[in-house]
């Protein structure tokens, strides 16, 4: 678990990045209606969660960097015994200070009264417009009022600056505690993938495997970090397949892309394996290409290497393998130069990982691929997908979709693989499925 001290340190660092007389505002996520009076399960805004650990809706963080040492304020719901009977415990304003380490807390109902006073006299407001249109209009209205009175009473804010740049750069680099939490998330996800391999057999439905994943996540106090992909046969070639309702046939492979969310942090694992527990010759051959591609890519994860070097490494190995198998024609350099591989290798090899499964952070700086640094966490997930209607290739390869995905931490030496608890060689997979 992330401790209050770390949340407080994050708020302090963010305030130190602010320029001039500034106010920083972060809104909590709103409840979203699923249908009629039923809401989707609530999940706190990741920026808000990063700065507070506070998971309740109807809340707002206000940071005042210009005050001595910086001051952190939380607006939140007041404790209400009747409401708690329906919705569960609420921290209230006292809990916001005592349990979450804020300097002050006020009822969320007092925002319209208190926040304008905090904004008067500041030069700029750090706030991400677009997330909450209703509050956006309220904030802009206050600024216009301030400008109308500025000559007589006080200085009005000149601009609203997107908060994301500074905050998301902070989130990109994980602390030791964050990596510990992410390792736990990865281990739980790996446990779910092992369970799926062990129970899978011909005649089952994708939905049954999906249920096994959810069972493991729930038993370990986790949510899913995204809707799992459970795609058998040619369904594995649909990159964001989430129907998860087709039968699993003897002789097909099954691609599972599923991750757990533990204490707010996501894992993201993909494994591909034969439904009947035994790879055919062509399945094994193509799988070995993807695995070799992934292993080389992971080996390239080194502090000081450019981000895109990981992708380029994976693509080169995968392209060479597809040429060797006759899936692609011509020589390697020509296939890379003309991007022939994109017919079957259609996505990037990874993405940042953290509080969001596709986490925040820039991939380029000044038009150049950013250099990898210690503490960055991302996925390495090469994949080859040959649709059932791919008439340009031999029938032996059609309808195969193979992806292998692990979560890695950049260190000063070799990559730290968070997801090493789940096997990925053909022999280890067959052994696990036979156990």
Protein backbone atom coordinates (compact mmCIF):
# COMPACT_ATOMS: atom_id res chain seq x y z
CA UNK A 1 0.00 0.00 0.00
CA UNK A 2 1.13 3.55 -0.75
CA UNK A 3 1.56 5.51 2.50
CA UNK A 4 0.28 9.02 3.23
CA UNK A 5 3.84 10.34 3.36
CA UNK A 6 4.38 9.42 -0.28
CA UNK A 7 1.13 11.08 -1.33
CA UNK A 8 2.12 14.22 0.59
CA UNK A 9 5.55 14.20 -1.06
CA UNK A 10 3.92 13.96 -4.48
CA UNK A 11 1.72 16.97 -3.75
CA UNK A 12 4.75 18.90 -2.51
CA UNK A 13 6.81 18.07 -5.62
CA UNK A 14 3.94 19.17 -7.85
CA UNK A 15 3.65 22.46 -6.00
CA UNK A 16 7.39 23.05 -6.40
CA UNK A 17 6.96 22.75 -10.18
CA UNK A 18 4.33 25.48 -10.33
CA UNK A 19 5.37 28.92 -11.55
CA UNK A 20 4.57 32.22 -9.85
CA UNK A 21 1.48 32.78 -7.74
CA UNK A 22 -0.43 29.67 -8.69
CA UNK A 23 -3.34 27.47 -7.69
CA UNK A 24 -3.52 23.79 -8.65
CA UNK A 25 -6.93 22.12 -8.99
CA UNK A 26 -7.63 18.41 -9.49
CA UNK A 27 -11.18 17.05 -9.71
CA UNK A 28 -12.29 13.59 -8.64
CA UNK A 29 -13.94 11.33 -11.18
CA UNK A 30 -17.70 11.51 -11.42
CA UNK A 31 -20.10 8.58 -11.17
CA UNK A 32 -21.13 7.41 -14.64
CA UNK A 33 -24.63 6.13 -15.33
CA UNK A 34 -24.85 2.65 -16.84
CA UNK A 35 -28.60 2.62 -17.32
CA UNK A 36 -31.52 4.33 -15.60
CA UNK A 37 -30.44 4.72 -11.95
CA UNK A 38 -27.61 2.15 -12.09
CA UNK A 39 -24.01 3.42 -12.14
CA UNK A 40 -20.88 1.75 -13.47
CA UNK A 41 -18.54 0.60 -10.68
CA UNK A 42 -16.78 3.72 -9.42
CA UNK A 43 -13.10 4.18 -10.16
CA UNK A 44 -11.26 7.29 -9.02
CA UNK A 45 -9.50 9.56 -11.53
CA UNK A 46 -5.88 8.38 -11.75
CA UNK A 47 -4.32 11.83 -11.28
CA UNK A 48 -6.50 12.38 -8.23
CA UNK A 49 -5.63 8.95 -6.86
CA UNK A 50 -1.91 9.56 -7.44
CA UNK A 51 -1.97 12.72 -5.34
CA UNK A 52 -4.21 11.54 -2.52
CA UNK A 53 -5.08 7.83 -2.32
CA UNK A 54 -8.63 9.14 -1.79
CA UNK A 55 -11.15 6.94 -3.59
CA UNK A 56 -14.46 8.71 -2.95
CA UNK A 57 -16.40 10.69 -5.58
CA UNK A 58 -17.56 14.30 -5.20
CA UNK A 59 -14.15 15.62 -4.19
CA UNK A 60 -11.56 18.19 -5.25
CA UNK A 61 -7.89 18.77 -4.44
CA UNK A 62 -6.68 22.37 -4.25
CA UNK A 63 -2.96 23.03 -3.82
CA UNK A 64 -1.65 26.50 -2.88
CA UNK A 65 2.10 26.56 -3.68
CA UNK A 66 2.52 30.28 -2.85
CA UNK A 67 1.73 29.77 0.81
CA UNK A 68 4.69 29.03 3.08
CA UNK A 69 5.69 25.42 2.54
CA UNK A 70 2.66 24.91 0.29
CA UNK A 71 -0.83 24.06 1.51
CA UNK A 72 -2.94 21.10 0.43
CA UNK A 73 -6.73 21.20 0.74
CA UNK A 74 -9.34 18.54 0.09
CA UNK A 75 -12.97 19.32 -0.59
CA UNK A 76 -15.06 16.21 0.02
CA UNK A 77 -18.43 14.92 1.19
CA UNK A 78 -19.35 15.47 4.81
CA UNK A 79 -19.98 12.39 6.92
CA UNK A 80 -23.64 11.45 6.80
CA UNK A 81 -24.90 8.47 8.79
CA UNK A 82 -27.97 8.03 6.59
CA UNK A 83 -25.96 8.12 3.38
CA UNK A 84 -23.36 5.77 4.84
CA UNK A 85 -26.14 3.26 5.47
CA UNK A 86 -26.71 3.14 1.71
CA UNK A 87 -23.24 3.76 0.23
CA UNK A 88 -20.72 2.76 2.91
CA UNK A 89 -18.28 4.70 5.05
CA UNK A 90 -17.17 8.21 4.15
CA UNK A 91 -13.99 9.88 5.36
CA UNK A 92 -15.57 13.28 5.86
CA UNK A 93 -13.55 16.44 6.37
CA UNK A 94 -11.99 15.20 9.61
CA UNK A 95 -10.94 11.94 7.99
CA UNK A 96 -9.44 13.83 5.05
CA UNK A 97 -6.97 15.45 7.44
CA UNK A 98 -6.46 12.59 9.90
CA UNK A 99 -6.46 9.66 7.44
CA UNK A 100 -5.15 11.22 4.23
CA UNK A 101 -2.76 13.88 5.50
CA UNK A 102 -4.26 17.01 3.97
CA UNK A 103 -3.55 20.32 5.70
CA UNK A 104 -7.22 21.31 5.59
CA UNK A 105 -10.52 19.93 4.40
CA UNK A 106 -13.88 21.51 3.65
CA UNK A 107 -17.28 20.19 2.55
CA UNK A 108 -17.59 19.89 -1.22
CA UNK A 109 -20.77 21.94 -0.93
CA UNK A 110 -18.60 24.96 -0.03
CA UNK A 111 -16.48 24.98 -3.19
CA UNK A 112 -18.39 27.83 -4.82
CA UNK A 113 -17.94 29.93 -1.68
CA UNK A 114 -14.31 29.15 -0.81
CA UNK A 115 -12.49 28.44 -4.07
CA UNK A 116 -12.97 31.90 -5.67
CA UNK A 117 -11.30 33.45 -2.61
CA UNK A 118 -8.33 31.10 -3.07
CA UNK A 119 -8.04 32.08 -6.75
CA UNK A 120 -8.02 35.85 -6.22
CA UNK A 121 -4.59 37.35 -6.75
CA UNK A 122 -3.00 34.30 -8.38
CA UNK A 123 -1.21 34.57 -11.74
CA UNK A 124 -2.22 31.24 -13.20
CA UNK A 125 -4.37 28.20 -12.55
CA UNK A 126 -3.10 24.69 -13.21
CA UNK A 127 -6.11 22.66 -14.24
CA UNK A 128 -6.99 20.20 -17.01
CA UNK A 129 -9.90 21.60 -18.98
CA UNK A 130 -12.25 19.15 -20.69
CA UNK A 131 -12.74 16.51 -17.99
CA UNK A 132 -15.65 18.28 -16.28
CA UNK A 133 -17.41 20.74 -18.65
CA UNK A 134 -19.74 22.04 -15.93
CA UNK A 135 -16.85 22.97 -13.63
CA UNK A 136 -14.87 24.33 -16.60
CA UNK A 137 -17.60 26.88 -17.21
CA UNK A 138 -17.74 27.75 -13.52
CA UNK A 139 -13.98 28.35 -13.41
CA UNK A 140 -13.96 30.46 -16.57
CA UNK A 141 -16.89 32.47 -15.18
CA UNK A 142 -14.95 33.24 -12.01
CA UNK A 143 -11.94 34.37 -14.05
CA UNK A 144 -14.11 36.71 -16.09
CA UNK A 145 -15.57 38.16 -12.90
CA UNK A 146 -12.07 38.68 -11.51
CA UNK A 147 -10.96 40.50 -14.66
CA UNK A 148 -13.90 42.86 -14.41
CA UNK A 149 -12.89 43.80 -10.84
CA UNK A 150 -9.12 43.61 -11.14
CA UNK A 151 -8.47 47.33 -11.44
CA UNK A 152 -10.22 48.08 -8.23
CA UNK A 153 -9.47 45.15 -5.93
CA UNK A 154 -7.02 42.44 -6.96
CA UNK A 155 -4.98 40.80 -9.70
CA UNK A 156 -6.86 38.27 -11.85
CA UNK A 157 -5.42 34.97 -13.13
CA UNK A 158 -3.98 35.37 -16.61
CA UNK A 159 -4.18 31.80 -17.82
CA UNK A 160 -5.22 28.23 -17.22
CA UNK A 161 -2.31 25.82 -17.75
CA UNK A 162 -2.77 22.11 -18.40
CA UNK A 163 -1.72 20.23 -15.31
CA UNK A 164 -0.98 17.01 -17.11
CA UNK A 165 2.52 17.82 -18.40
CA UNK A 166 4.16 18.14 -14.99
CA UNK A 167 1.97 15.62 -13.20
CA UNK A 168 2.24 12.95 -15.87
CA UNK A 169 6.00 13.25 -16.01
CA UNK A 170 6.00 12.53 -12.27
CA UNK A 171 3.73 9.52 -12.74
CA UNK A 172 6.01 8.10 -15.44
CA UNK A 173 8.76 7.33 -12.92
CA UNK A 174 7.71 4.76 -10.33
CA UNK A 175 8.96 4.75 -6.76
CA UNK A 176 10.12 1.60 -4.99
CA UNK A 177 6.76 1.39 -3.26
CA UNK A 178 4.89 1.70 -6.53
CA UNK A 179 6.99 -1.06 -8.09
CA UNK A 180 6.28 -3.29 -5.08
CA UNK A 181 2.54 -2.74 -5.58
CA UNK A 182 2.83 -3.37 -9.33
CA UNK A 183 4.76 -6.57 -8.68
CA UNK A 184 1.88 -7.76 -6.48
CA UNK A 185 -0.61 -6.87 -9.21
CA UNK A 186 1.48 -8.80 -11.75
CA UNK A 187 1.72 -11.87 -9.52
CA UNK A 188 -2.06 -11.98 -9.09
CA UNK A 189 -2.57 -11.61 -12.83
CA UNK A 190 -0.03 -14.39 -13.45
CA UNK A 191 -1.95 -16.63 -11.07
CA UNK A 192 -5.10 -16.02 -13.12
CA UNK A 193 -3.31 -16.87 -16.37
CA UNK A 194 -1.94 -20.10 -14.85
CA UNK A 195 -5.45 -21.03 -13.75
CA UNK A 196 -6.76 -20.44 -17.28
CA UNK A 197 -4.10 -22.69 -18.78
CA UNK A 198 -4.77 -25.45 -16.28
CA UNK A 199 -8.55 -25.61 -16.77
CA UNK A 200 -8.71 -25.01 -20.53
CA UNK A 201 -9.84 -27.88 -22.74
CA UNK A 202 -11.69 -28.35 -26.04
CA UNK A 203 -15.44 -27.88 -25.83
CA UNK A 204 -15.30 -25.11 -23.26
CA UNK A 205 -16.48 -21.61 -24.07
CA UNK A 206 -14.38 -18.46 -23.98
CA UNK A 207 -16.81 -17.19 -21.34
CA UNK A 208 -15.84 -20.01 -18.97
CA UNK A 209 -12.18 -19.03 -19.17
CA UNK A 210 -13.14 -15.39 -18.67
CA UNK A 211 -14.99 -16.44 -15.50
CA UNK A 212 -11.91 -18.28 -14.21
CA UNK A 213 -9.86 -15.10 -14.58
CA UNK A 214 -12.42 -13.03 -12.70
CA UNK A 215 -12.59 -15.66 -9.97
CA UNK A 216 -8.86 -15.38 -9.28
CA UNK A 217 -8.91 -11.58 -9.39
CA UNK A 218 -11.84 -11.34 -7.00
CA UNK A 219 -10.39 -13.84 -4.53
CA UNK A 220 -7.26 -11.67 -4.38
CA UNK A 221 -9.11 -8.38 -3.78
CA UNK A 222 -8.47 -7.11 -7.28
CA UNK A 223 -10.45 -5.57 -10.05
CA UNK A 224 -9.68 -6.14 -13.71
CA UNK A 225 -7.46 -3.39 -15.08
CA UNK A 226 -9.38 -3.64 -18.40
CA UNK A 227 -11.94 -5.95 -19.98
CA UNK A 228 -10.06 -9.22 -20.59
CA UNK A 229 -9.52 -10.50 -24.13
CA UNK A 230 -10.22 -14.23 -24.37
CA UNK A 231 -9.99 -15.05 -28.06
CA UNK A 232 -9.92 -18.59 -29.39
CA UNK A 233 -8.82 -19.46 -32.93
CA UNK A 234 -9.24 -16.61 -35.43
CA UNK A 235 -10.77 -14.40 -32.69
CA UNK A 236 -7.19 -13.87 -31.50
CA UNK A 237 -6.63 -11.81 -34.66
CA UNK A 238 -9.14 -9.22 -33.44
CA UNK A 239 -6.87 -7.00 -31.37
CA UNK A 240 -9.55 -5.69 -28.99
CA UNK A 241 -11.82 -8.72 -29.02
CA UNK A 242 -14.01 -8.69 -25.90
CA UNK A 243 -17.08 -10.71 -26.89
CA UNK A 244 -15.54 -13.73 -25.13
CA UNK A 245 -18.44 -16.03 -26.00
CA UNK A 246 -17.28 -18.44 -28.69
CA UNK A 247 -16.57 -22.17 -28.31
CA UNK A 248 -12.97 -23.33 -27.92
CA UNK A 249 -12.14 -25.89 -30.55
CA UNK A 250 -9.66 -28.73 -30.51
CA UNK A 251 -6.58 -27.75 -32.53
CA UNK A 252 -7.03 -23.99 -32.04
CA UNK A 253 -4.97 -21.67 -29.89
CA UNK A 254 -6.34 -19.32 -27.24
CA UNK A 255 -5.04 -15.79 -26.71
CA UNK A 256 -5.70 -14.26 -23.28
CA UNK A 257 -4.88 -10.63 -22.55
CA UNK A 258 -5.84 -9.91 -18.93
CA UNK A 259 -4.49 -7.84 -16.06
CA UNK A 260 -5.32 -7.15 -12.45
CA UNK A 261 -5.68 -3.80 -10.72
CA UNK A 262 -4.27 -3.88 -7.20
CA UNK A 263 -4.29 -0.77 -4.98
CA UNK A 264 -4.99 1.26 -8.11
CA UNK A 265 -2.06 -0.10 -10.16
CA UNK A 266 -2.49 -2.18 -13.31
CA UNK A 267 -0.78 -5.24 -14.67
CA UNK A 268 -1.13 -6.31 -18.29
CA UNK A 269 -0.25 -9.85 -19.40
CA UNK A 270 -0.87 -11.74 -22.63
CA UNK A 271 -0.29 -15.42 -23.19
CA UNK A 272 -1.19 -17.63 -26.14
CA UNK A 273 -1.49 -21.40 -25.82
CA UNK A 274 -3.13 -24.43 -27.48
CA UNK A 275 -6.66 -25.23 -26.33
CA UNK A 276 -5.83 -28.94 -26.12
CA UNK A 277 -2.50 -28.42 -24.39
CA UNK A 278 -0.28 -29.44 -27.35
CA UNK A 279 1.17 -27.11 -29.98
CA UNK A 280 0.99 -28.30 -33.56
CA UNK A 281 4.10 -27.94 -35.71
CA UNK A 282 3.02 -24.69 -37.42
CA UNK A 283 1.69 -23.25 -34.14
CA UNK A 284 5.00 -23.95 -32.43
CA UNK A 285 6.99 -22.49 -35.32
CA UNK A 286 5.09 -19.20 -35.37
CA UNK A 287 5.01 -19.04 -31.58
CA UNK A 288 8.80 -19.38 -31.47
CA UNK A 289 9.11 -16.38 -33.79
CA UNK A 290 6.99 -14.22 -31.47
CA UNK A 291 8.83 -15.48 -28.38
CA UNK A 292 12.26 -14.82 -29.90
CA UNK A 293 11.07 -11.34 -30.84
CA UNK A 294 9.90 -10.65 -27.30
CA UNK A 295 13.04 -12.02 -25.61
CA UNK A 296 15.31 -9.87 -27.80
CA UNK A 297 13.12 -6.82 -27.16
CA UNK A 298 13.23 -7.35 -23.39
CA UNK A 299 17.00 -7.75 -23.58
CA UNK A 300 17.16 -4.32 -25.25
CA UNK A 301 15.44 -2.66 -22.28
CA UNK A 302 18.43 -0.80 -20.90
CA UNK A 303 18.84 2.59 -19.27
CA UNK A 304 20.11 4.91 -21.99
CA UNK A 305 18.51 3.13 -24.95
CA UNK A 306 15.82 5.02 -26.89
CA UNK A 307 12.22 3.96 -26.33
CA UNK A 308 11.69 3.05 -29.99
CA UNK A 309 14.74 0.76 -29.95
CA UNK A 310 12.63 -1.85 -28.14
CA UNK A 311 10.02 -1.82 -30.92
CA UNK A 312 12.61 -1.85 -33.69
CA UNK A 313 14.35 -4.82 -32.11
CA UNK A 314 11.11 -6.81 -31.84
CA UNK A 315 10.06 -5.97 -35.40
CA UNK A 316 13.40 -7.00 -36.88
CA UNK A 317 13.36 -10.44 -35.21
CA UNK A 318 9.68 -11.00 -36.02
CA UNK A 319 10.14 -9.97 -39.65
CA UNK A 320 13.15 -12.23 -40.08
CA UNK A 321 11.17 -15.11 -38.60
CA UNK A 322 8.20 -14.53 -40.90
CA UNK A 323 10.52 -14.54 -43.92
CA UNK A 324 12.08 -17.79 -42.77
CA UNK A 325 8.61 -19.37 -42.50
CA UNK A 326 7.56 -18.09 -45.93
CA UNK A 327 4.86 -15.79 -44.54
CA UNK A 328 6.71 -12.77 -45.94
CA UNK A 329 8.67 -12.66 -49.20
CA UNK A 330 11.94 -10.95 -50.10
CA UNK A 331 14.95 -10.05 -48.02
CA UNK A 332 14.97 -8.69 -44.48
CA UNK A 333 16.14 -5.14 -45.15
CA UNK A 334 13.62 -4.66 -47.94
CA UNK A 335 10.79 -5.98 -45.76
CA UNK A 336 11.76 -3.58 -42.96
CA UNK A 337 12.27 -0.59 -45.26
CA UNK A 338 8.94 -1.09 -47.04
CA UNK A 339 7.20 -2.17 -43.82
CA UNK A 340 5.86 -5.44 -45.23
CA UNK A 341 5.67 -6.71 -41.66
CA UNK A 342 2.74 -4.39 -40.97
CA UNK A 343 0.43 -6.82 -42.75
CA UNK A 344 0.73 -9.12 -39.73
CA UNK A 345 2.57 -7.13 -37.03
CA UNK A 346 0.14 -4.27 -36.69
CA UNK A 347 0.76 -2.53 -33.36
CA UNK A 348 3.56 -1.03 -31.31
CA UNK A 349 5.53 -3.33 -29.07
CA UNK A 350 4.54 -1.72 -25.79
CA UNK A 351 3.16 1.13 -23.72
CA UNK A 352 3.72 2.77 -20.35
CA UNK A 353 2.06 1.03 -17.40
CA UNK A 354 0.99 2.29 -13.98
CA UNK A 355 -2.25 3.63 -12.52
CA UNK A 356 -3.63 3.40 -16.06
CA UNK A 357 -3.08 0.31 -18.15
CA UNK A 358 -2.08 2.65 -20.98
CA UNK A 359 -0.31 4.97 -18.61
CA UNK A 360 0.62 8.62 -19.02
CA UNK A 361 3.97 10.00 -20.12
CA UNK A 362 5.53 11.27 -23.35
CA UNK A 363 7.13 8.83 -25.78
CA UNK A 364 9.00 11.57 -27.63
CA UNK A 365 10.90 14.67 -26.48
CA UNK A 366 11.65 17.42 -29.00
CA UNK A 367 10.71 15.09 -31.84
CA UNK A 368 13.04 12.30 -30.73
CA UNK A 369 12.27 9.01 -29.03
CA UNK A 370 12.87 9.54 -25.33
CA UNK A 371 15.69 7.74 -23.60
CA UNK A 372 14.79 4.98 -21.15
CA UNK A 373 15.50 5.79 -17.50
CA UNK A 374 15.35 3.79 -14.29
CA UNK A 375 11.89 3.60 -12.77
CA UNK A 376 9.96 3.56 -16.04
CA UNK A 377 7.56 0.63 -16.34
CA UNK A 378 6.09 -0.59 -19.59
CA UNK A 379 4.85 -3.62 -21.51
CA UNK A 380 6.77 -5.61 -24.12
CA UNK A 381 4.19 -7.32 -26.33
CA UNK A 382 5.09 -8.31 -29.90
CA UNK A 383 2.34 -10.05 -31.82
CA UNK A 384 1.73 -11.68 -35.18
CA UNK A 385 -1.84 -11.98 -36.48
CA UNK A 386 -2.74 -13.83 -39.66
CA UNK A 387 -6.47 -13.54 -40.40
CA UNK A 388 -8.42 -16.54 -41.62
CA UNK A 389 -8.92 -14.79 -44.99
CA UNK A 390 -5.21 -14.06 -45.55
CA UNK A 391 -5.00 -15.82 -48.93
CA UNK A 392 -1.48 -14.52 -49.56
CA UNK A 393 -0.06 -17.02 -47.06
CA UNK A 394 -0.17 -20.79 -46.78
CA UNK A 395 -3.29 -22.28 -45.16
CA UNK A 396 -1.14 -23.60 -42.31
CA UNK A 397 -0.78 -20.07 -40.90
CA UNK A 398 -4.29 -18.70 -41.42
CA UNK A 399 -6.41 -17.90 -38.39
CA UNK A 400 -3.46 -17.71 -36.01
CA UNK A 401 -3.06 -14.81 -33.61
CA UNK A 402 -0.14 -14.93 -31.20
CA UNK A 403 0.89 -12.27 -28.69
CA UNK A 404 3.21 -12.60 -25.69
CA UNK A 405 3.21 -9.71 -23.21
CA UNK A 406 5.19 -9.01 -20.06
CA UNK A 407 5.60 -6.00 -17.76
CA UNK A 408 9.14 -4.69 -17.26
CA UNK A 409 10.89 -2.09 -15.13
CA UNK A 410 13.86 -0.18 -16.48
CA UNK A 411 16.87 -0.50 -14.20
CA UNK A 412 20.55 0.42 -14.45
CA UNK A 413 21.27 -3.13 -15.62
CA UNK A 414 18.90 -5.70 -17.15
CA UNK A 415 15.13 -5.26 -17.16
CA UNK A 416 13.20 -6.32 -14.08
CA UNK A 417 10.37 -8.55 -15.35
CA UNK A 418 7.38 -8.18 -13.03
CA UNK A 419 5.38 -10.92 -14.76
CA UNK A 420 7.91 -13.74 -14.63
CA UNK A 421 5.55 -15.93 -12.55
CA UNK A 422 3.72 -17.14 -15.66
CA UNK A 423 5.52 -19.42 -18.12
CA UNK A 424 5.86 -18.69 -21.83
CA UNK A 425 8.05 -21.34 -23.50
CA UNK A 426 6.16 -23.99 -25.45
CA UNK A 427 7.55 -26.80 -23.29
CA UNK A 428 6.67 -25.04 -20.01
CA UNK A 429 3.16 -24.25 -21.23
CA UNK A 430 2.55 -27.86 -22.27
CA UNK A 431 3.88 -29.10 -18.94
CA UNK A 432 1.63 -26.73 -16.97
CA UNK A 433 -1.44 -27.64 -19.00
CA UNK A 434 -0.76 -31.33 -18.45
CA UNK A 435 -0.45 -30.95 -14.68
